[in-house]
Every structure is written in structure tokens, then in C-alpha cells.
């Protein structure tokens, strides 16, 4: 969620653009970004696909390095 909020704040993506790309209503996107609602797992998957991201992209690089060393 923090990454999505950062991308909206920086202008890389807009709430409206994300809503259009995912089929999720803009008011719902807005309310989730403001912490008033949450996305379902299915909506999260849709957002990841629309943004061309994988779950691994959401992990902290330091955590990934620690896991890789194990």
C-alpha cells in the first residue's frame, strides 16, 4: 500500500488512471489510499497486474538479501 501511495503522491499514477486500468471505482481507490477501506485480495492481484508488478517487487531489498543468504 505504501508503494502505491508513494506513486500516487509522486504523480507516477493517478487514482483515476489506476481505477480505469483496473476496473475498480475511483472513489474506492481513493478511500483505500486514505485508509478508510481496503482492497480485496482479488483487487490487489488486479492492481499488481495493471502496474506490471510481482509480489517480490513489494519486498524490501534488504529482506530479500537476507533470505537469499539462507
C-alpha atoms as a PDB file:
ATOM      1  CA  UNK A   1       0.000   0.000   0.000  1.00  0.00           C
ATOM      2  CA  UNK A   2       2.844   2.386   0.846  1.00  0.00           C
ATOM      3  CA  UNK A   3       4.339   1.949  -2.610  1.00  0.00           C
ATOM      4  CA  UNK A   4       1.005   2.665  -4.275  1.00  0.00           C
ATOM      5  CA  UNK A   5       0.505   5.742  -2.091  1.00  0.00           C
ATOM      6  CA  UNK A   6       4.008   6.958  -2.984  1.00  0.00           C
ATOM      7  CA  UNK A   7       3.377   6.505  -6.694  1.00  0.00           C
ATOM      8  CA  UNK A   8       0.120   8.459  -6.476  1.00  0.00           C
ATOM      9  CA  UNK A   9       1.779  11.235  -4.446  1.00  0.00           C
ATOM     10  CA  UNK A  10       4.669  11.490  -6.912  1.00  0.00           C
ATOM     11  CA  UNK A  11       2.330  11.598  -9.902  1.00  0.00           C
ATOM     12  CA  UNK A  12       3.566   8.338 -11.429  1.00  0.00           C
ATOM     13  CA  UNK A  13      -0.025   7.113 -11.340  1.00  0.00           C
ATOM     14  CA  UNK A  14      -3.305   8.854 -10.576  1.00  0.00           C
ATOM     15  CA  UNK A  15      -6.262   7.482  -8.668  1.00  0.00           C
ATOM     16  CA  UNK A  16      -8.362   7.937 -11.785  1.00  0.00           C
ATOM     17  CA  UNK A  17      -5.804   6.231 -14.027  1.00  0.00           C
ATOM     18  CA  UNK A  18      -5.481   3.308 -11.637  1.00  0.00           C
ATOM     19  CA  UNK A  19      -9.254   2.990 -11.464  1.00  0.00           C
ATOM     20  CA  UNK A  20      -9.512   2.905 -15.247  1.00  0.00           C
ATOM     21  CA  UNK A  21      -6.730   0.353 -15.650  1.00  0.00           C
ATOM     22  CA  UNK A  22      -8.128  -1.971 -13.001  1.00  0.00           C
ATOM     23  CA  UNK A  23     -11.888  -1.572 -13.200  1.00  0.00           C
ATOM     24  CA  UNK A  24     -12.004  -0.554  -9.527  1.00  0.00           C
ATOM     25  CA  UNK A  25     -14.051   2.575  -8.905  1.00  0.00           C
ATOM     26  CA  UNK A  26     -12.082   5.768  -8.343  1.00  0.00           C
ATOM     27  CA  UNK A  27     -13.920   6.514  -5.079  1.00  0.00           C
ATOM     28  CA  UNK A  28     -12.949   3.069  -3.757  1.00  0.00           C
ATOM     29  CA  UNK A  29      -9.310   3.604  -4.773  1.00  0.00           C
ATOM     30  CA  UNK A  30      -9.384   6.995  -3.041  1.00  0.00           C
ATOM     31  CA  UNK A  31     -10.886   5.578   0.160  1.00  0.00           C
ATOM     32  CA  UNK A  32      -8.331   2.774   0.293  1.00  0.00           C
ATOM     33  CA  UNK A  33      -5.435   5.182  -0.188  1.00  0.00           C
ATOM     34  CA  UNK A  34      -6.831   7.305   2.639  1.00  0.00           C
ATOM     35  CA  UNK A  35      -7.109   4.261   4.923  1.00  0.00           C
ATOM     36  CA  UNK A  36     -10.906   4.250   5.113  1.00  0.00           C
ATOM     37  CA  UNK A  37     -11.388   0.973   3.223  1.00  0.00           C
ATOM     38  CA  UNK A  38      -9.280  -1.903   1.997  1.00  0.00           C
ATOM     39  CA  UNK A  39      -8.773  -3.815  -1.223  1.00  0.00           C
ATOM     40  CA  UNK A  40      -9.767  -7.441  -1.503  1.00  0.00           C
ATOM     41  CA  UNK A  41      -7.060  -9.970  -2.381  1.00  0.00           C
ATOM     42  CA  UNK A  42      -8.507 -10.124  -5.896  1.00  0.00           C
ATOM     43  CA  UNK A  43      -8.295  -6.345  -6.237  1.00  0.00           C
ATOM     44  CA  UNK A  44      -4.674  -6.429  -5.062  1.00  0.00           C
ATOM     45  CA  UNK A  45      -3.864  -9.019  -7.729  1.00  0.00           C
ATOM     46  CA  UNK A  46      -5.568  -6.856 -10.357  1.00  0.00           C
ATOM     47  CA  UNK A  47      -3.566  -3.811  -9.280  1.00  0.00           C
ATOM     48  CA  UNK A  48      -0.287  -5.727  -9.348  1.00  0.00           C
ATOM     49  CA  UNK A  49      -1.020  -6.936 -12.891  1.00  0.00           C
ATOM     50  CA  UNK A  50      -2.061  -3.457 -14.052  1.00  0.00           C
ATOM     51  CA  UNK A  51       1.140  -1.964 -12.654  1.00  0.00           C
ATOM     52  CA  UNK A  52       3.227  -4.817 -14.061  1.00  0.00           C
ATOM     53  CA  UNK A  53       4.459  -5.761 -10.596  1.00  0.00           C
ATOM     54  CA  UNK A  54       5.015  -9.043  -8.827  1.00  0.00           C
ATOM     55  CA  UNK A  55       4.698  -9.706  -5.118  1.00  0.00           C
ATOM     56  CA  UNK A  56       8.509  -9.878  -4.944  1.00  0.00           C
ATOM     57  CA  UNK A  57       8.639  -6.236  -6.109  1.00  0.00           C
ATOM     58  CA  UNK A  58       6.880  -5.271  -2.886  1.00  0.00           C
ATOM     59  CA  UNK A  59       9.520  -6.784  -0.609  1.00  0.00           C
ATOM     60  CA  UNK A  60      12.291  -4.746   0.941  1.00  0.00           C
ATOM     61  CA  UNK A  61      15.604  -5.427  -0.894  1.00  0.00           C
ATOM     62  CA  UNK A  62      17.364  -5.912   2.451  1.00  0.00           C
ATOM     63  CA  UNK A  63      14.868  -8.647   3.368  1.00  0.00           C
ATOM     64  CA  UNK A  64      15.417 -10.309   0.008  1.00  0.00           C
ATOM     65  CA  UNK A  65      19.190 -10.283   0.546  1.00  0.00           C
ATOM     66  CA  UNK A  66      18.794 -11.875   3.967  1.00  0.00           C
ATOM     67  CA  UNK A  67      16.540 -14.574   2.531  1.00  0.00           C
ATOM     68  CA  UNK A  68      18.925 -15.238  -0.355  1.00  0.00           C
ATOM     69  CA  UNK A  69      21.828 -15.793   2.054  1.00  0.00           C
ATOM     70  CA  UNK A  70      19.950 -18.522   3.961  1.00  0.00           C
END
